[in-house]
Amino acid sequence: MKIKILRPAALLTLLIFAAFIISCSSSKHVKTSSSSAKKWTYFRILPDADDDPIFVKLQDELHIDPKMERYTIVVDMRSKTPGDQYILFGDETNPLRFGWNQLSEQVRNGLLNWTGNSKENLQ
């Protein structure tokens, strides 16, 4: 019986493929229930303007012009004091800060109730 030994290039390709398969299968993907996402008080959303009309209305209320297709927002509702509740809009390194009360009730409820994949709990 003769045993074949793989060539170094074939062995390397096989090892890379195996590592890729293992890393893909072990990647952490947490599915969040929509009911728990609605209870978050400190979260980030990476919205696309096409995701929901609420993200266009948000820009209207904050007087963002020209409109952005994709952006980052962070909502911080952890404080019980309304004056300390805020939203950060834009680039994470230098965002614009707005008071939560500057937004209409419709937009505030839309952000709190958003359950899309682009919503991430920061607590």
PDB file of N, CA and C in Angstrom:
ATOM      1  N   MET A   1       0.826  -1.158   0.000  1.00  0.00           N
ATOM      2  CA  MET A   1       0.000   0.000   0.000  1.00  0.00           C
ATOM      3  C   MET A   1       0.885   1.240   0.000  1.00  0.00           C
ATOM      4  N   LYS A   2       0.566   2.152  -0.900  1.00  0.00           N
ATOM      5  CA  LYS A   2       1.377   3.349  -1.073  1.00  0.00           C
ATOM      6  C   LYS A   2       0.586   4.566  -0.568  1.00  0.00           C
ATOM      7  N   ILE A   3       1.178   5.355   0.310  1.00  0.00           N
ATOM      8  CA  ILE A   3       0.522   6.552   0.843  1.00  0.00           C
ATOM      9  C   ILE A   3       1.043   7.759   0.081  1.00  0.00           C
ATOM     10  N   LYS A   4       0.079   8.564  -0.434  1.00  0.00           N
ATOM     11  CA  LYS A   4       0.466   9.776  -1.149  1.00  0.00           C
ATOM     12  C   LYS A   4       0.590  10.921  -0.154  1.00  0.00           C
ATOM     13  N   ILE A   5       1.623  11.689  -0.312  1.00  0.00           N
ATOM     14  CA  ILE A   5       1.832  12.876   0.516  1.00  0.00           C
ATOM     15  C   ILE A   5       1.490  14.095  -0.334  1.00  0.00           C
ATOM     16  N   LEU A   6       0.685  14.978   0.235  1.00  0.00           N
ATOM     17  CA  LEU A   6       0.292  16.189  -0.486  1.00  0.00           C
ATOM     18  C   LEU A   6       1.488  17.100  -0.690  1.00  0.00           C
ATOM     19  N   ARG A   7       1.474  17.775  -1.789  1.00  0.00           N
ATOM     20  CA  ARG A   7       2.509  18.765  -2.060  1.00  0.00           C
ATOM     21  C   ARG A   7       2.332  19.934  -1.110  1.00  0.00           C
ATOM     22  N   PRO A   8       3.384  20.676  -0.827  1.00  0.00           N
ATOM     23  CA  PRO A   8       3.278  21.794   0.112  1.00  0.00           C
ATOM     24  C   PRO A   8       2.211  22.822  -0.290  1.00  0.00           C
ATOM     25  N   ALA A   9       2.087  23.147  -1.552  1.00  0.00           N
ATOM     26  CA  ALA A   9       1.093  24.136  -1.991  1.00  0.00           C
ATOM     27  C   ALA A   9      -0.321  23.616  -1.760  1.00  0.00           C
ATOM     28  N   ALA A  10      -0.561  22.347  -2.046  1.00  0.00           N
ATOM     29  CA  ALA A  10      -1.881  21.757  -1.838  1.00  0.00           C
ATOM     30  C   ALA A  10      -2.192  21.685  -0.342  1.00  0.00           C
ATOM     31  N   LEU A  11      -1.211  21.353   0.461  1.00  0.00           N
ATOM     32  CA  LEU A  11      -1.395  21.286   1.907  1.00  0.00           C
ATOM     33  C   LEU A  11      -1.707  22.669   2.479  1.00  0.00           C
ATOM     34  N   LEU A  12      -0.991  23.673   2.027  1.00  0.00           N
ATOM     35  CA  LEU A  12      -1.223  25.038   2.485  1.00  0.00           C
ATOM     36  C   LEU A  12      -2.622  25.503   2.100  1.00  0.00           C
ATOM     37  N   THR A  13      -3.044  25.216   0.881  1.00  0.00           N
ATOM     38  CA  THR A  13      -4.386  25.584   0.432  1.00  0.00           C
ATOM     39  C   THR A  13      -5.440  24.893   1.288  1.00  0.00           C
ATOM     40  N   LEU A  14      -5.239  23.645   1.572  1.00  0.00           N
ATOM     41  CA  LEU A  14      -6.167  22.884   2.401  1.00  0.00           C
ATOM     42  C   LEU A  14      -6.245  23.464   3.819  1.00  0.00           C
ATOM     43  N   LEU A  15      -5.115  23.830   4.385  1.00  0.00           N
ATOM     44  CA  LEU A  15      -5.097  24.413   5.730  1.00  0.00           C
ATOM     45  C   LEU A  15      -5.797  25.775   5.772  1.00  0.00           C
ATOM     46  N   ILE A  16      -5.576  26.593   4.769  1.00  0.00           N
ATOM     47  CA  ILE A  16      -6.236  27.908   4.702  1.00  0.00           C
ATOM     48  C   ILE A  16      -7.738  27.723   4.575  1.00  0.00           C
ATOM     49  N   PHE A  17      -8.155  26.815   3.732  1.00  0.00           N
ATOM     50  CA  PHE A  17      -9.584  26.549   3.553  1.00  0.00           C
ATOM     51  C   PHE A  17     -10.204  26.063   4.864  1.00  0.00           C
ATOM     52  N   ALA A  18      -9.527  25.173   5.561  1.00  0.00           N
ATOM     53  CA  ALA A  18     -10.038  24.652   6.837  1.00  0.00           C
ATOM     54  C   ALA A  18     -10.141  25.765   7.877  1.00  0.00           C
ATOM     55  N   ALA A  19      -9.141  26.624   7.941  1.00  0.00           N
ATOM     56  CA  ALA A  19      -9.172  27.744   8.886  1.00  0.00           C
ATOM     57  C   ALA A  19     -10.328  28.691   8.564  1.00  0.00           C
ATOM     58  N   PHE A  20     -10.567  28.919   7.293  1.00  0.00           N
ATOM     59  CA  PHE A  20     -11.668  29.787   6.871  1.00  0.00           C
ATOM     60  C   PHE A  20     -13.012  29.196   7.291  1.00  0.00           C
ATOM     61  N   ILE A  21     -13.195  27.910   7.069  1.00  0.00           N
ATOM     62  CA  ILE A  21     -14.444  27.240   7.429  1.00  0.00           C
ATOM     63  C   ILE A  21     -14.656  27.291   8.940  1.00  0.00           C
ATOM     64  N   ILE A  22     -13.617  27.062   9.711  1.00  0.00           N
ATOM     65  CA  ILE A  22     -13.733  27.083  11.170  1.00  0.00           C
ATOM     66  C   ILE A  22     -14.059  28.491  11.658  1.00  0.00           C
ATOM     67  N   SER A  23     -13.402  29.497  11.104  1.00  0.00           N
ATOM     68  CA  SER A  23     -13.654  30.865  11.562  1.00  0.00           C
ATOM     69  C   SER A  23     -15.064  31.318  11.198  1.00  0.00           C
ATOM     70  N   CYS A  24     -15.577  30.890  10.056  1.00  0.00           N
ATOM     71  CA  CYS A  24     -16.945  31.255   9.670  1.00  0.00           C
ATOM     72  C   CYS A  24     -17.974  30.574  10.552  1.00  0.00           C
ATOM     73  N   SER A  25     -17.730  29.334  10.876  1.00  0.00           N
ATOM     74  CA  SER A  25     -18.716  28.603  11.667  1.00  0.00           C
ATOM     75  C   SER A  25     -18.693  29.007  13.128  1.00  0.00           C
ATOM     76  N   SER A  26     -17.572  29.547  13.598  1.00  0.00           N
ATOM     77  CA  SER A  26     -17.504  29.918  15.004  1.00  0.00           C
ATOM     78  C   SER A  26     -17.716  31.408  15.216  1.00  0.00           C
ATOM     79  N   SER A  27     -17.988  32.148  14.158  1.00  0.00           N
ATOM     80  CA  SER A  27     -18.192  33.579  14.337  1.00  0.00           C
ATOM     81  C   SER A  27     -19.442  33.819  15.161  1.00  0.00           C
ATOM     82  N   LYS A  28     -19.357  34.815  16.010  1.00  0.00           N
ATOM     83  CA  LYS A  28     -20.446  35.093  16.942  1.00  0.00           C
ATOM     84  C   LYS A  28     -21.521  35.898  16.238  1.00  0.00           C
ATOM     85  N   HIS A  29     -22.708  35.352  16.182  1.00  0.00           N
ATOM     86  CA  HIS A  29     -23.856  36.058  15.609  1.00  0.00           C
ATOM     87  C   HIS A  29     -25.011  35.888  16.577  1.00  0.00           C
ATOM     88  N   VAL A  30     -25.364  36.981  17.226  1.00  0.00           N
ATOM     89  CA  VAL A  30     -26.411  36.915  18.217  1.00  0.00           C
ATOM     90  C   VAL A  30     -27.680  37.498  17.632  1.00  0.00           C
ATOM     91  N   LYS A  31     -28.716  36.715  17.624  1.00  0.00           N
ATOM     92  CA  LYS A  31     -30.021  37.163  17.154  1.00  0.00           C
ATOM     93  C   LYS A  31     -30.734  37.777  18.342  1.00  0.00           C
ATOM     94  N   THR A  32     -31.113  39.034  18.203  1.00  0.00           N
ATOM     95  CA  THR A  32     -31.780  39.733  19.283  1.00  0.00           C
ATOM     96  C   THR A  32     -33.274  39.714  19.039  1.00  0.00           C
ATOM     97  N   SER A  33     -34.011  39.431  20.086  1.00  0.00           N
ATOM     98  CA  SER A  33     -35.461  39.458  19.926  1.00  0.00           C
ATOM     99  C   SER A  33     -35.917  40.903  19.851  1.00  0.00           C
ATOM    100  N   SER A  34     -36.955  41.134  19.076  1.00  0.00           N
ATOM    101  CA  SER A  34     -37.443  42.487  18.882  1.00  0.00           C
ATOM    102  C   SER A  34     -37.963  43.080  20.183  1.00  0.00           C
ATOM    103  N   SER A  35     -38.502  42.257  21.066  1.00  0.00           N
ATOM    104  CA  SER A  35     -39.015  42.798  22.330  1.00  0.00           C
ATOM    105  C   SER A  35     -37.888  43.309  23.210  1.00  0.00           C
ATOM    106  N   SER A  36     -36.751  42.642  23.243  1.00  0.00           N
ATOM    107  CA  SER A  36     -35.639  43.129  24.068  1.00  0.00           C
ATOM    108  C   SER A  36     -35.002  44.371  23.446  1.00  0.00           C
ATOM    109  N   ALA A  37     -34.913  44.451  22.123  1.00  0.00           N
ATOM    110  CA  ALA A  37     -34.324  45.615  21.462  1.00  0.00           C
ATOM    111  C   ALA A  37     -35.147  46.875  21.717  1.00  0.00           C
ATOM    112  N   LYS A  38     -36.427  46.718  21.926  1.00  0.00           N
ATOM    113  CA  LYS A  38     -37.294  47.866  22.202  1.00  0.00           C
ATOM    114  C   LYS A  38     -37.102  48.409  23.613  1.00  0.00           C
ATOM    115  N   LYS A  39     -36.461  47.637  24.488  1.00  0.00           N
ATOM    116  CA  LYS A  39     -36.253  48.051  25.872  1.00  0.00           C
ATOM    117  C   LYS A  39     -34.883  48.693  26.099  1.00  0.00           C
ATOM    118  N   TRP A  40     -34.014  48.661  25.103  1.00  0.00           N
ATOM    119  CA  TRP A  40     -32.675  49.212  25.268  1.00  0.00           C
ATOM    120  C   TRP A  40     -32.734  50.704  25.530  1.00  0.00           C
ATOM    121  N   THR A  41     -31.835  51.188  26.385  1.00  0.00           N
ATOM    122  CA  THR A  41     -31.778  52.615  26.686  1.00  0.00           C
ATOM    123  C   THR A  41     -30.485  53.266  26.208  1.00  0.00           C
ATOM    124  N   TYR A  42     -29.554  52.461  25.724  1.00  0.00           N
ATOM    125  CA  TYR A  42     -28.284  52.988  25.206  1.00  0.00           C
ATOM    126  C   TYR A  42     -27.891  52.097  24.032  1.00  0.00           C
ATOM    127  N   PHE A  43     -28.014  52.625  22.818  1.00  0.00           N
ATOM    128  CA  PHE A  43     -27.798  51.796  21.640  1.00  0.00           C
ATOM    129  C   PHE A  43     -27.310  52.614  20.457  1.00  0.00           C
ATOM    130  N   ARG A  44     -26.779  51.885  19.482  1.00  0.00           N
ATOM    131  CA  ARG A  44     -26.294  52.476  18.234  1.00  0.00           C
ATOM    132  C   ARG A  44     -27.115  51.887  17.097  1.00  0.00           C
ATOM    133  N   ILE A  45     -27.420  52.741  16.124  1.00  0.00           N
ATOM    134  CA  ILE A  45     -28.067  52.278  14.898  1.00  0.00           C
ATOM    135  C   ILE A  45     -27.219  52.776  13.738  1.00  0.00           C
ATOM    136  N   LEU A  46     -26.960  51.900  12.788  1.00  0.00           N
ATOM    137  CA  LEU A  46     -26.262  52.257  11.560  1.00  0.00           C
ATOM    138  C   LEU A  46     -27.295  52.220  10.438  1.00  0.00           C
ATOM    139  N   PRO A  47     -28.140  53.250  10.378  1.00  0.00           N
ATOM    140  CA  PRO A  47     -29.262  53.195   9.431  1.00  0.00           C
ATOM    141  C   PRO A  47     -28.867  53.538   8.009  1.00  0.00           C
ATOM    142  N   ASP A  48     -29.669  53.038   7.124  1.00  0.00           N
ATOM    143  CA  ASP A  48     -29.650  53.403   5.717  1.00  0.00           C
ATOM    144  C   ASP A  48     -30.962  54.157   5.515  1.00  0.00           C
ATOM    145  N   ALA A  49     -30.939  55.267   4.819  1.00  0.00           N
ATOM    146  CA  ALA A  49     -32.147  56.067   4.628  1.00  0.00           C
ATOM    147  C   ALA A  49     -33.276  55.242   4.012  1.00  0.00           C
ATOM    148  N   ASP A  50     -32.938  54.176   3.293  1.00  0.00           N
ATOM    149  CA  ASP A  50     -33.956  53.319   2.682  1.00  0.00           C
ATOM    150  C   ASP A  50     -34.548  52.311   3.664  1.00  0.00           C
ATOM    151  N   ASP A  51     -33.946  52.161   4.855  1.00  0.00           N
ATOM    152  CA  ASP A  51     -34.435  51.186   5.838  1.00  0.00           C
ATOM    153  C   ASP A  51     -35.851  51.513   6.297  1.00  0.00           C
ATOM    154  N   ASP A  52     -36.093  52.795   6.570  1.00  0.00           N
ATOM    155  CA  ASP A  52     -37.372  53.199   7.135  1.00  0.00           C
ATOM    156  C   ASP A  52     -37.498  54.715   6.966  1.00  0.00           C
ATOM    157  N   PRO A  53     -38.684  55.232   6.697  1.00  0.00           N
ATOM    158  CA  PRO A  53     -38.862  56.685   6.553  1.00  0.00           C
ATOM    159  C   PRO A  53     -38.491  57.465   7.816  1.00  0.00           C
ATOM    160  N   ILE A  54     -38.463  56.789   8.961  1.00  0.00           N
ATOM    161  CA  ILE A  54     -38.121  57.472  10.203  1.00  0.00           C
ATOM    162  C   ILE A  54     -36.707  58.045  10.156  1.00  0.00           C
ATOM    163  N   PHE A  55     -35.817  57.404   9.395  1.00  0.00           N
ATOM    164  CA  PHE A  55     -34.435  57.864   9.327  1.00  0.00           C
ATOM    165  C   PHE A  55     -34.281  59.106   8.449  1.00  0.00           C
ATOM    166  N   VAL A  56     -35.199  59.314   7.541  1.00  0.00           N
ATOM    167  CA  VAL A  56     -35.227  60.549   6.750  1.00  0.00           C
ATOM    168  C   VAL A  56     -35.858  61.659   7.593  1.00  0.00           C
ATOM    169  N   LYS A  57     -36.941  61.325   8.295  1.00  0.00           N
ATOM    170  CA  LYS A  57     -37.615  62.299   9.160  1.00  0.00           C
ATOM    171  C   LYS A  57     -36.670  62.774  10.256  1.00  0.00           C
ATOM    172  N   LEU A  58     -35.850  61.898  10.785  1.00  0.00           N
ATOM    173  CA  LEU A  58     -34.856  62.274  11.790  1.00  0.00           C
ATOM    174  C   LEU A  58     -33.941  63.369  11.246  1.00  0.00           C
ATOM    175  N   GLN A  59     -33.459  63.181  10.023  1.00  0.00           N
ATOM    176  CA  GLN A  59     -32.582  64.178   9.415  1.00  0.00           C
ATOM    177  C   GLN A  59     -33.316  65.495   9.173  1.00  0.00           C
ATOM    178  N   ASP A  60     -34.585  65.416   8.797  1.00  0.00           N
ATOM    179  CA  ASP A  60     -35.382  66.630   8.627  1.00  0.00           C
ATOM    180  C   ASP A  60     -35.456  67.413   9.939  1.00  0.00           C
ATOM    181  N   GLU A  61     -35.755  66.713  11.013  1.00  0.00           N
ATOM    182  CA  GLU A  61     -35.910  67.378  12.306  1.00  0.00           C
ATOM    183  C   GLU A  61     -34.601  67.942  12.842  1.00  0.00           C
ATOM    184  N   LEU A  62     -33.485  67.314  12.486  1.00  0.00           N
ATOM    185  CA  LEU A  62     -32.179  67.808  12.934  1.00  0.00           C
ATOM    186  C   LEU A  62     -31.571  68.804  11.940  1.00  0.00           C
ATOM    187  N   HIS A  63     -32.318  69.102  10.877  1.00  0.00           N
ATOM    188  CA  HIS A  63     -31.879  70.045   9.826  1.00  0.00           C
ATOM    189  C   HIS A  63     -30.556  69.615   9.188  1.00  0.00           C
ATOM    190  N   ILE A  64     -30.438  68.313   8.917  1.00  0.00           N
ATOM    191  CA  ILE A  64     -29.255  67.773   8.244  1.00  0.00           C
ATOM    192  C   ILE A  64     -29.463  67.962   6.746  1.00  0.00           C
ATOM    193  N   ASP A  65     -28.610  68.754   6.135  1.00  0.00           N
ATOM    194  CA  ASP A  65     -28.722  69.024   4.706  1.00  0.00           C
ATOM    195  C   ASP A  65     -27.329  69.196   4.137  1.00  0.00           C
ATOM    196  N   PRO A  66     -26.935  68.470   3.136  1.00  0.00           N
ATOM    197  CA  PRO A  66     -27.716  67.523   2.347  1.00  0.00           C
ATOM    198  C   PRO A  66     -27.958  66.236   3.136  1.00  0.00           C
ATOM    199  N   LYS A  67     -28.998  65.532   2.745  1.00  0.00           N
ATOM    200  CA  LYS A  67     -29.375  64.283   3.406  1.00  0.00           C
ATOM    201  C   LYS A  67     -28.284  63.236   3.222  1.00  0.00           C
ATOM    202  N   MET A  68     -28.100  62.427   4.247  1.00  0.00           N
ATOM    203  CA  MET A  68     -27.103  61.357   4.211  1.00  0.00           C
ATOM    204  C   MET A  68     -27.808  60.031   3.965  1.00  0.00           C
ATOM    205  N   GLU A  69     -27.232  59.198   3.121  1.00  0.00           N
ATOM    206  CA  GLU A  69     -27.793  57.869   2.840  1.00  0.00           C
ATOM    207  C   GLU A  69     -27.524  56.912   3.996  1.00  0.00           C
ATOM    208  N   ARG A  70     -26.303  56.937   4.513  1.00  0.00           N
ATOM    209  CA  ARG A  70     -25.908  56.062   5.624  1.00  0.00           C
ATOM    210  C   ARG A  70     -25.204  56.922   6.659  1.00  0.00           C
ATOM    211  N   TYR A  71     -25.488  56.638   7.917  1.00  0.00           N
ATOM    212  CA  TYR A  71     -24.861  57.388   8.989  1.00  0.00           C
ATOM    213  C   TYR A  71     -24.948  56.576  10.272  1.00  0.00           C
ATOM    214  N   THR A  72     -24.390  57.109  11.334  1.00  0.00           N
ATOM    215  CA  THR A  72     -24.414  56.447  12.628  1.00  0.00           C
ATOM    216  C   THR A  72     -25.160  57.331  13.615  1.00  0.00           C
ATOM    217  N   ILE A  73     -26.010  56.716  14.422  1.00  0.00           N
ATOM    218  CA  ILE A  73     -26.606  57.446  15.539  1.00  0.00           C
ATOM    219  C   ILE A  73     -26.426  56.623  16.803  1.00  0.00           C
ATOM    220  N   VAL A  74     -26.234  57.322  17.897  1.00  0.00           N
ATOM    221  CA  VAL A  74     -26.174  56.696  19.219  1.00  0.00           C
ATOM    222  C   VAL A  74     -27.246  57.372  20.052  1.00  0.00           C
ATOM    223  N   VAL A  75     -28.084  56.571  20.671  1.00  0.00           N
ATOM    224  CA  VAL A  75     -29.151  57.070  21.530  1.00  0.00           C
ATOM    225  C   VAL A  75     -28.789  56.694  22.962  1.00  0.00           C
ATOM    226  N   ASP A  76     -28.802  57.697  23.854  1.00  0.00           N
ATOM    227  CA  ASP A  76     -28.505  57.454  25.257  1.00  0.00           C
ATOM    228  C   ASP A  76     -29.664  57.954  26.117  1.00  0.00           C
ATOM    229  N   MET A  77     -30.459  57.016  26.602  1.00  0.00           N
ATOM    230  CA  MET A  77     -31.634  57.301  27.425  1.00  0.00           C
ATOM    231  C   MET A  77     -31.441  56.766  28.842  1.00  0.00           C
ATOM    232  N   ARG A  78     -30.200  56.515  29.248  1.00  0.00           N
ATOM    233  CA  ARG A  78     -29.948  55.887  30.549  1.00  0.00           C
ATOM    234  C   ARG A  78     -30.313  56.787  31.724  1.00  0.00           C
ATOM    235  N   SER A  79     -30.169  58.079  31.548  1.00  0.00           N
ATOM    236  CA  SER A  79     -30.475  59.006  32.635  1.00  0.00           C
ATOM    237  C   SER A  79     -31.982  59.190  32.789  1.00  0.00           C
ATOM    238  N   LYS A  80     -32.418  59.347  34.022  1.00  0.00           N
ATOM    239  CA  LYS A  80     -33.834  59.631  34.298  1.00  0.00           C
ATOM    240  C   LYS A  80     -34.130  61.112  34.088  1.00  0.00           C
ATOM    241  N   THR A  81     -33.089  61.934  34.004  1.00  0.00           N
ATOM    242  CA  THR A  81     -33.242  63.370  33.798  1.00  0.00           C
ATOM    243  C   THR A  81     -33.353  63.647  32.306  1.00  0.00           C
ATOM    244  N   PRO A  82     -34.494  64.173  31.835  1.00  0.00           N
ATOM    245  CA  PRO A  82     -34.681  64.414  30.395  1.00  0.00           C
ATOM    246  C   PRO A  82     -33.585  65.274  29.766  1.00  0.00           C
ATOM    247  N   GLY A  83     -33.039  66.203  30.505  1.00  0.00           N
ATOM    248  CA  GLY A  83     -31.985  67.059  29.962  1.00  0.00           C
ATOM    249  C   GLY A  83     -30.683  66.331  29.689  1.00  0.00           C
ATOM    250  N   ASP A  84     -30.503  65.168  30.300  1.00  0.00           N
ATOM    251  CA  ASP A  84     -29.280  64.381  30.111  1.00  0.00           C
ATOM    252  C   ASP A  84     -29.440  63.282  29.064  1.00  0.00           C
ATOM    253  N   GLN A  85     -30.618  63.170  28.483  1.00  0.00           N
ATOM    254  CA  GLN A  85     -30.857  62.177  27.437  1.00  0.00           C
ATOM    255  C   GLN A  85     -30.526  62.825  26.096  1.00  0.00           C
ATOM    256  N   TYR A  86     -29.813  62.088  25.244  1.00  0.00           N
ATOM    257  CA  TYR A  86     -29.344  62.704  24.004  1.00  0.00           C
ATOM    258  C   TYR A  86     -29.218  61.695  22.873  1.00  0.00           C
ATOM    259  N   ILE A  87     -28.961  62.245  21.693  1.00  0.00           N
ATOM    260  CA  ILE A  87     -28.677  61.458  20.496  1.00  0.00           C
ATOM    261  C   ILE A  87     -27.415  62.031  19.864  1.00  0.00           C
ATOM    262  N   LEU A  88     -26.534  61.155  19.440  1.00  0.00           N
ATOM    263  CA  LEU A  88     -25.344  61.555  18.685  1.00  0.00           C
ATOM    264  C   LEU A  88     -25.587  61.183  17.238  1.00  0.00           C
ATOM    265  N   PHE A  89     -25.293  62.095  16.341  1.00  0.00           N
ATOM    266  CA  PHE A  89     -25.550  61.876  14.919  1.00  0.00           C
ATOM    267  C   PHE A  89     -24.258  62.064  14.145  1.00  0.00           C
ATOM    268  N   GLY A  90     -23.950  61.102  13.296  1.00  0.00           N
ATOM    269  CA  GLY A  90     -22.823  61.261  12.374  1.00  0.00           C
ATOM    270  C   GLY A  90     -21.619  60.432  12.727  1.00  0.00           C
ATOM    271  N   ASP A  91     -20.483  60.898  12.295  1.00  0.00           N
ATOM    272  CA  ASP A  91     -19.206  60.219  12.465  1.00  0.00           C
ATOM    273  C   ASP A  91     -18.938  59.960  13.948  1.00  0.00           C
ATOM    274  N   GLU A  92     -18.551  58.753  14.276  1.00  0.00           N
ATOM    275  CA  GLU A  92     -18.342  58.389  15.674  1.00  0.00           C
ATOM    276  C   GLU A  92     -17.194  59.155  16.316  1.00  0.00           C
ATOM    277  N   THR A  93     -16.255  59.659  15.533  1.00  0.00           N
ATOM    278  CA  THR A  93     -15.129  60.395  16.114  1.00  0.00           C
ATOM    279  C   THR A  93     -15.470  61.849  16.408  1.00  0.00           C
ATOM    280  N   ASN A  94     -16.467  62.403  15.711  1.00  0.00           N
ATOM    281  CA  ASN A  94     -16.847  63.794  15.918  1.00  0.00           C
ATOM    282  C   ASN A  94     -18.333  63.987  15.616  1.00  0.00           C
ATOM    283  N   PRO A  95     -19.200  63.342  16.410  1.00  0.00           N
ATOM    284  CA  PRO A  95     -20.638  63.412  16.107  1.00  0.00           C
ATOM    285  C   PRO A  95     -21.254  64.739  16.550  1.00  0.00           C
ATOM    286  N   LEU A  96     -22.417  65.024  15.984  1.00  0.00           N
ATOM    287  CA  LEU A  96     -23.222  66.146  16.432  1.00  0.00           C
ATOM    288  C   LEU A  96     -24.098  65.643  17.573  1.00  0.00           C
ATOM    289  N   ARG A  97     -24.212  66.448  18.614  1.00  0.00           N
ATOM    290  CA  ARG A  97     -25.010  66.036  19.780  1.00  0.00           C
ATOM    291  C   ARG A  97     -26.303  66.853  19.820  1.00  0.00           C
ATOM    292  N   PHE A  98     -27.407  66.142  20.017  1.00  0.00           N
ATOM    293  CA  PHE A  98     -28.718  66.774  20.094  1.00  0.00           C
ATOM    294  C   PHE A  98     -29.445  66.242  21.323  1.00  0.00           C
ATOM    295  N   GLY A  99     -30.248  67.095  21.945  1.00  0.00           N
ATOM    296  CA  GLY A  99     -31.072  66.657  23.056  1.00  0.00           C
ATOM    297  C   GLY A  99     -32.183  65.750  22.557  1.00  0.00           C
ATOM    298  N   TRP A 100     -32.493  64.722  23.327  1.00  0.00           N
ATOM    299  CA  TRP A 100     -33.542  63.774  22.964  1.00  0.00           C
ATOM    300  C   TRP A 100     -34.867  64.503  22.754  1.00  0.00           C
ATOM    301  N   ASN A 101     -35.118  65.529  23.565  1.00  0.00           N
ATOM    302  CA  ASN A 101     -36.377  66.278  23.474  1.00  0.00           C
ATOM    303  C   ASN A 101     -36.460  67.163  22.232  1.00  0.00           C
ATOM    304  N   GLN A 102     -35.374  67.289  21.483  1.00  0.00           N
ATOM    305  CA  GLN A 102     -35.413  68.039  20.224  1.00  0.00           C
ATOM    306  C   GLN A 102     -36.135  67.270  19.127  1.00  0.00           C
ATOM    307  N   LEU A 103     -36.320  65.985  19.345  1.00  0.00           N
ATOM    308  CA  LEU A 103     -36.974  65.138  18.346  1.00  0.00           C
ATOM    309  C   LEU A 103     -38.456  65.014  18.653  1.00  0.00           C
ATOM    310  N   SER A 104     -39.235  64.853  17.602  1.00  0.00           N
ATOM    311  CA  SER A 104     -40.674  64.652  17.788  1.00  0.00           C
ATOM    312  C   SER A 104     -40.919  63.300  18.450  1.00  0.00           C
ATOM    313  N   GLU A 105     -42.083  63.164  19.036  1.00  0.00           N
ATOM    314  CA  GLU A 105     -42.446  61.896  19.668  1.00  0.00           C
ATOM    315  C   GLU A 105     -42.446  60.759  18.648  1.00  0.00           C
ATOM    316  N   GLN A 106     -42.866  61.061  17.417  1.00  0.00           N
ATOM    317  CA  GLN A 106     -42.890  60.035  16.368  1.00  0.00           C
ATOM    318  C   GLN A 106     -41.484  59.503  16.094  1.00  0.00           C
ATOM    319  N   VAL A 107     -40.506  60.389  15.989  1.00  0.00           N
ATOM    320  CA  VAL A 107     -39.135  59.957  15.712  1.00  0.00           C
ATOM    321  C   VAL A 107     -38.552  59.232  16.927  1.00  0.00           C
ATOM    322  N   ARG A 108     -38.777  59.760  18.127  1.00  0.00           N
ATOM    323  CA  ARG A 108     -38.266  59.089  19.336  1.00  0.00           C
ATOM    324  C   ARG A 108     -38.824  57.670  19.435  1.00  0.00           C
ATOM    325  N   ASN A 109     -40.132  57.519  19.242  1.00  0.00           N
ATOM    326  CA  ASN A 109     -40.737  56.181  19.297  1.00  0.00           C
ATOM    327  C   ASN A 109     -40.213  55.290  18.182  1.00  0.00           C
ATOM    328  N   GLY A 110     -40.001  55.862  17.002  1.00  0.00           N
ATOM    329  CA  GLY A 110     -39.469  55.089  15.882  1.00  0.00           C
ATOM    330  C   GLY A 110     -38.085  54.541  16.167  1.00  0.00           C
ATOM    331  N   LEU A 111     -37.233  55.357  16.805  1.00  0.00           N
ATOM    332  CA  LEU A 111     -35.877  54.910  17.135  1.00  0.00           C
ATOM    333  C   LEU A 111     -35.905  53.858  18.246  1.00  0.00           C
ATOM    334  N   LEU A 112     -36.700  54.099  19.265  1.00  0.00           N
ATOM    335  CA  LEU A 112     -36.777  53.135  20.371  1.00  0.00           C
ATOM    336  C   LEU A 112     -37.351  51.802  19.920  1.00  0.00           C
ATOM    337  N   ASN A 113     -38.304  51.834  19.009  1.00  0.00           N
ATOM    338  CA  ASN A 113     -38.974  50.611  18.561  1.00  0.00           C
ATOM    339  C   ASN A 113     -38.305  49.955  17.360  1.00  0.00           C
ATOM    340  N   TRP A 114     -37.247  50.541  16.837  1.00  0.00           N
ATOM    341  CA  TRP A 114     -36.543  49.968  15.686  1.00  0.00           C
ATOM    342  C   TRP A 114     -35.928  48.633  16.097  1.00  0.00           C
ATOM    343  N   THR A 115     -36.160  47.605  15.305  1.00  0.00           N
ATOM    344  CA  THR A 115     -35.644  46.272  15.629  1.00  0.00           C
ATOM    345  C   THR A 115     -34.814  45.685  14.493  1.00  0.00           C
ATOM    346  N   GLY A 116     -34.371  46.523  13.582  1.00  0.00           N
ATOM    347  CA  GLY A 116     -33.583  46.025  12.458  1.00  0.00           C
ATOM    348  C   GLY A 116     -32.215  45.513  12.881  1.00  0.00           C
ATOM    349  N   ASN A 117     -31.550  44.846  11.961  1.00  0.00           N
ATOM    350  CA  ASN A 117     -30.232  44.257  12.226  1.00  0.00           C
ATOM    351  C   ASN A 117     -29.166  45.300  12.529  1.00  0.00           C
ATOM    352  N   SER A 118     -29.426  46.547  12.168  1.00  0.00           N
ATOM    353  CA  SER A 118     -28.411  47.582  12.356  1.00  0.00           C
ATOM    354  C   SER A 118     -28.461  48.223  13.744  1.00  0.00           C
ATOM    355  N   LYS A 119     -29.290  47.702  14.633  1.00  0.00           N
ATOM    356  CA  LYS A 119     -29.390  48.231  15.997  1.00  0.00           C
ATOM    357  C   LYS A 119     -28.538  47.375  16.928  1.00  0.00           C
ATOM    358  N   GLU A 120     -27.667  48.039  17.713  1.00  0.00           N
ATOM    359  CA  GLU A 120     -26.728  47.332  18.567  1.00  0.00           C
ATOM    360  C   GLU A 120     -26.806  47.893  19.994  1.00  0.00           C
ATOM    361  N   ASN A 121     -26.982  47.027  20.950  1.00  0.00           N
ATOM    362  CA  ASN A 121     -27.021  47.423  22.357  1.00  0.00           C
ATOM    363  C   ASN A 121     -25.622  47.809  22.818  1.00  0.00           C
ATOM    364  N   LEU A 122     -25.484  48.943  23.486  1.00  0.00           N
ATOM    365  CA  LEU A 122     -24.178  49.402  23.959  1.00  0.00           C
ATOM    366  C   LEU A 122     -23.997  49.230  25.457  1.00  0.00           C
ATOM    367  N   GLN A 123     -24.945  48.647  26.139  1.00  0.00           N
ATOM    368  CA  GLN A 123     -24.829  48.430  27.587  1.00  0.00           C
ATOM    369  C   GLN A 123     -24.215  47.103  27.882  1.00  0.00           C
TER     370      GLN A 123
END
